Amino acid sequence: MKHKPDDRRDNVDILQENINNTLENIRLAEETMSESDNEEMNQDIAAKNQRRKEALKNMRHEIKDEAEAYERGYDD
């Protein structure tokens, strides 16, 4: 089986889409929390949103890395 070469040209677009989806998930989760009186569920959602925010930070860092790699022509 022949392997495809690494094509990183759309990595930033994919990362940005993931960021947008994660932001939407955070928004929806916060909306759910505001409508719920279930403290245990709200704590679980808050913890999950904290992990999502950490993931956002990592994705933004990865976008920066990809932009720098693009400027270098993806040479490592």
Protein backbone atom coordinates (compact mmCIF):
# COMPACT_ATOMS: atom_id res chain seq x y z
CA MET A 1 0.00 0.00 0.00
CA LYS A 2 1.40 3.35 -1.05
CA HIS A 3 1.32 6.10 1.58
CA LYS A 4 0.09 9.56 0.69
CA PRO A 5 2.60 12.33 1.24
CA ASP A 6 1.92 14.62 4.20
CA ASP A 7 -0.28 17.45 2.87
CA ARG A 8 -0.45 20.13 5.51
CA ARG A 9 -1.98 22.85 3.35
CA ASP A 10 -5.43 22.52 4.90
CA ASN A 11 -4.33 22.02 8.52
CA VAL A 12 -5.12 25.62 9.50
CA ASP A 13 -8.59 25.35 7.98
CA ILE A 14 -9.25 22.10 9.82
CA LEU A 15 -7.97 23.54 13.09
CA GLN A 16 -10.09 26.66 12.65
CA GLU A 17 -13.17 24.54 12.04
CA ASN A 18 -12.39 22.57 15.20
CA ILE A 19 -12.02 25.82 17.14
CA ASN A 20 -15.36 27.07 15.85
CA ASN A 21 -17.05 23.79 16.77
CA THR A 22 -15.50 23.82 20.24
CA LEU A 23 -16.62 27.42 20.84
CA GLU A 24 -20.14 26.46 19.82
CA ASN A 25 -20.06 23.46 22.16
CA ILE A 26 -18.96 25.71 25.02
CA ARG A 27 -21.78 28.14 24.25
CA LEU A 28 -24.38 25.37 24.13
CA ALA A 29 -23.08 23.83 27.34
CA GLU A 30 -23.24 27.17 29.15
CA GLU A 31 -26.78 27.62 27.89
CA THR A 32 -27.67 24.17 29.24
CA MET A 33 -26.11 25.04 32.60
CA SER A 34 -28.11 28.26 32.85
CA GLU A 35 -31.34 26.34 32.30
CA SER A 36 -30.57 23.53 34.76
CA ASP A 37 -30.89 23.25 38.52
CA ASN A 38 -28.96 19.96 38.59
CA GLU A 39 -25.79 20.94 40.43
CA GLU A 40 -23.95 17.69 39.70
CA MET A 41 -24.65 17.98 35.97
CA ASN A 42 -23.61 21.65 35.99
CA GLN A 43 -20.32 20.75 37.69
CA ASP A 44 -19.69 18.06 35.07
CA ILE A 45 -20.45 20.52 32.27
CA ALA A 46 -18.23 23.19 33.84
CA ALA A 47 -15.36 20.69 34.07
CA LYS A 48 -15.86 19.67 30.46
CA ASN A 49 -15.90 23.31 29.36
CA GLN A 50 -12.64 23.87 31.23
CA ARG A 51 -11.09 21.01 29.24
CA ARG A 52 -12.52 22.51 26.05
CA LYS A 53 -10.93 25.87 26.86
CA GLU A 54 -7.59 24.17 27.38
CA ALA A 55 -8.03 22.41 24.03
CA LEU A 56 -8.77 25.78 22.42
CA LYS A 57 -5.51 27.16 23.75
CA ASN A 58 -3.67 24.17 22.29
CA MET A 59 -5.42 24.45 18.91
CA ARG A 60 -4.58 28.16 18.70
CA HIS A 61 -0.97 27.36 19.48
CA GLU A 62 -1.01 24.70 16.77
CA ILE A 63 -2.40 27.20 14.25
CA LYS A 64 0.51 29.51 15.09
CA ASP A 65 2.93 26.62 14.56
CA GLU A 66 1.30 25.79 11.23
CA ALA A 67 1.54 29.42 10.09
CA GLU A 68 5.24 29.46 10.95
CA ALA A 69 5.76 26.16 9.14
CA TYR A 70 3.94 27.57 6.10
CA GLU A 71 6.26 30.58 6.07
CA ARG A 72 9.23 28.19 6.12
CA GLY A 73 7.73 26.15 3.31
CA TYR A 74 6.95 23.30 5.74
CA ASP A 75 10.66 22.48 6.04
CA ASP A 76 11.56 21.16 9.48
